[in-house]
Amino acid sequence: YGGRINLQLSSSVTSVILSPAAVYQFNPQFAAGATVSFGYTDFKHTNTYLYNYGASILGIYTPIQQLQLSAELEQVFVDQTTNLGDLKIKDNYNYQALFLGAGFRMKNVVVGMRYDVLYNEDNNLYSSPYSPFVQVFF
């Protein structure tokens, strides 16, 4: 059991996503599991903010003790609000991502980067297809 924190901070975007996870370790190299996620994203230049929630399935491969490779298929439901003066525009949509990631493992903590191969610039939850992460499992 454990989870991941995704954090993106820039002059144009603030995004915080918490993802608790349950993973089964099949052997020292392979593990699989599922996550749920809850997050908030604020696109400052467009005055848009998102609340999101979702779930994913996760596969982990550890070829050597210090390296963790992962693949994660994520389905997220997004509630988006854009403020244009006195006008509020609301939109709800689904967002699907397929993350391929790599991280440096130190016992039960992994620090790494994920890349969303399905990233769509026009309809996205993240400001970039790249997402740094810190993951902890107990």
Protein backbone atom coordinates (compact mmCIF):
# COMPACT_ATOMS: atom_id res chain seq x y z
CA TYR A 1 0.00 0.00 0.00
CA GLY A 2 1.10 3.52 -0.59
CA GLY A 3 0.66 6.14 -3.23
CA ARG A 4 1.95 8.96 -5.33
CA ILE A 5 1.95 12.74 -5.28
CA ASN A 6 2.10 14.56 -8.62
CA LEU A 7 3.01 18.21 -8.40
CA GLN A 8 3.39 20.70 -11.25
CA LEU A 9 4.20 24.30 -10.39
CA SER A 10 4.94 27.05 -12.89
CA SER A 11 4.03 30.66 -13.57
CA SER A 12 1.05 29.45 -15.62
CA VAL A 13 -0.08 26.22 -13.91
CA THR A 14 -0.49 24.78 -10.43
CA SER A 15 -1.48 21.13 -10.24
CA VAL A 16 -1.64 18.81 -7.22
CA ILE A 17 -2.86 15.24 -7.56
CA LEU A 18 -2.92 12.63 -4.77
CA SER A 19 -3.12 8.98 -5.79
CA PRO A 20 -3.39 6.32 -3.08
CA ALA A 21 -2.50 2.86 -4.44
CA ALA A 22 -2.64 -0.83 -3.65
CA VAL A 23 -0.03 -3.00 -5.37
CA TYR A 24 0.62 -6.73 -5.28
CA GLN A 25 4.28 -7.77 -5.54
CA PHE A 26 4.35 -10.98 -7.66
CA ASN A 27 8.12 -11.38 -7.29
CA PRO A 28 11.10 -9.01 -6.77
CA GLN A 29 10.83 -7.73 -10.37
CA PHE A 30 7.08 -7.52 -11.11
CA ALA A 31 4.17 -5.83 -9.36
CA ALA A 32 0.69 -4.71 -10.41
CA GLY A 33 -2.11 -2.83 -8.79
CA ALA A 34 -4.63 -0.04 -8.92
CA THR A 35 -4.86 3.57 -7.86
CA VAL A 36 -7.54 6.15 -7.29
CA SER A 37 -6.77 9.82 -7.79
CA PHE A 38 -8.04 13.17 -6.60
CA GLY A 39 -6.67 16.47 -7.81
CA TYR A 40 -6.85 20.18 -8.45
CA THR A 41 -5.35 22.10 -11.39
CA ASP A 42 -5.30 25.86 -11.93
CA PHE A 43 -4.40 27.27 -15.37
CA LYS A 44 -3.65 30.88 -14.41
CA HIS A 45 -3.44 32.51 -17.87
CA THR A 46 -6.87 31.24 -18.94
CA ASN A 47 -8.47 31.69 -15.50
CA THR A 48 -9.51 28.01 -15.60
CA TYR A 49 -9.49 25.50 -12.79
CA LEU A 50 -10.19 21.77 -12.73
CA TYR A 51 -11.25 19.29 -10.09
CA ASN A 52 -10.61 15.71 -11.06
CA TYR A 53 -11.03 12.18 -9.81
CA GLY A 54 -10.31 8.84 -11.38
CA ALA A 55 -8.73 5.42 -11.26
CA SER A 56 -5.94 3.55 -12.96
CA ILE A 57 -4.29 0.19 -13.33
CA LEU A 58 -0.55 0.06 -12.81
CA GLY A 59 2.23 -2.32 -13.80
CA ILE A 60 5.71 -2.06 -12.28
CA TYR A 61 8.95 -3.68 -13.40
CA THR A 62 12.13 -3.44 -11.32
CA PRO A 63 15.04 -4.75 -13.43
CA ILE A 64 17.59 -3.76 -10.76
CA GLN A 65 17.01 -2.65 -7.18
CA GLN A 66 17.59 1.07 -7.90
CA LEU A 67 15.48 1.34 -11.08
CA GLN A 68 11.71 1.12 -11.38
CA LEU A 69 9.88 1.17 -14.73
CA SER A 70 6.11 1.57 -14.86
CA ALA A 71 3.11 1.64 -17.17
CA GLU A 72 -0.19 3.08 -16.00
CA LEU A 73 -3.53 3.39 -17.79
CA GLU A 74 -5.55 6.15 -16.16
CA GLN A 75 -9.16 7.27 -16.61
CA VAL A 76 -9.98 10.64 -15.07
CA PHE A 77 -13.25 12.55 -14.82
CA VAL A 78 -12.82 16.33 -14.92
CA ASP A 79 -15.04 19.18 -13.73
CA GLN A 80 -13.71 22.35 -15.39
CA THR A 81 -14.67 25.96 -14.73
CA THR A 82 -13.44 28.96 -16.73
CA ASN A 83 -14.10 32.46 -15.42
CA LEU A 84 -14.54 35.16 -18.06
CA GLY A 85 -15.41 38.27 -16.08
CA ASP A 86 -18.93 37.72 -14.75
CA LEU A 87 -19.42 34.67 -16.98
CA LYS A 88 -18.59 31.18 -15.71
CA ILE A 89 -18.26 28.41 -18.28
CA LYS A 90 -18.47 24.87 -16.91
CA ASP A 91 -17.46 21.72 -18.72
CA ASN A 92 -17.28 18.07 -17.67
CA TYR A 93 -15.23 15.55 -19.61
CA ASN A 94 -13.26 12.32 -19.36
CA TYR A 95 -9.52 12.22 -19.83
CA GLN A 96 -7.57 9.07 -20.54
CA ALA A 97 -3.80 8.82 -20.16
CA LEU A 98 -1.22 6.10 -20.70
CA PHE A 99 1.86 6.89 -18.65
CA LEU A 100 5.23 5.26 -19.17
CA GLY A 101 7.59 6.08 -16.35
CA ALA A 102 10.97 5.53 -14.82
CA GLY A 103 12.22 6.28 -11.35
CA PHE A 104 15.14 5.96 -8.99
CA ARG A 105 14.25 3.64 -6.13
CA MET A 106 15.54 4.07 -2.57
CA LYS A 107 14.00 1.25 -0.49
CA ASN A 108 10.25 2.04 -0.47
CA VAL A 109 10.50 5.53 -2.07
CA VAL A 110 10.68 6.16 -5.83
CA VAL A 111 11.41 9.54 -7.42
CA GLY A 112 10.90 9.74 -11.15
CA MET A 113 9.25 11.04 -14.29
CA ARG A 114 6.24 9.79 -16.28
CA TYR A 115 5.32 10.53 -19.89
CA ASP A 116 1.73 10.44 -21.19
CA VAL A 117 1.85 8.85 -24.66
CA LEU A 118 -1.84 9.76 -25.25
CA TYR A 119 -1.35 13.46 -24.39
CA ASN A 120 -3.70 15.78 -26.28
CA GLU A 121 -2.85 19.48 -26.05
CA ASP A 122 -6.44 20.55 -26.79
CA ASN A 123 -8.14 18.39 -24.16
CA ASN A 124 -5.86 17.71 -21.25
CA LEU A 125 -5.65 17.65 -17.51
CA TYR A 126 -1.92 18.26 -17.30
CA SER A 127 0.12 21.21 -18.59
CA SER A 128 2.65 18.86 -20.18
CA PRO A 129 2.91 15.19 -21.13
CA TYR A 130 5.76 14.96 -18.59
CA SER A 131 4.88 14.50 -14.95
CA PRO A 132 7.43 14.23 -12.12
CA PHE A 133 6.38 12.06 -9.18
CA VAL A 134 7.30 10.85 -5.72
CA GLN A 135 5.88 7.44 -4.81
CA VAL A 136 5.95 5.68 -1.43
CA PHE A 137 4.92 2.06 -0.73
CA PHE A 138 4.85 0.26 2.61
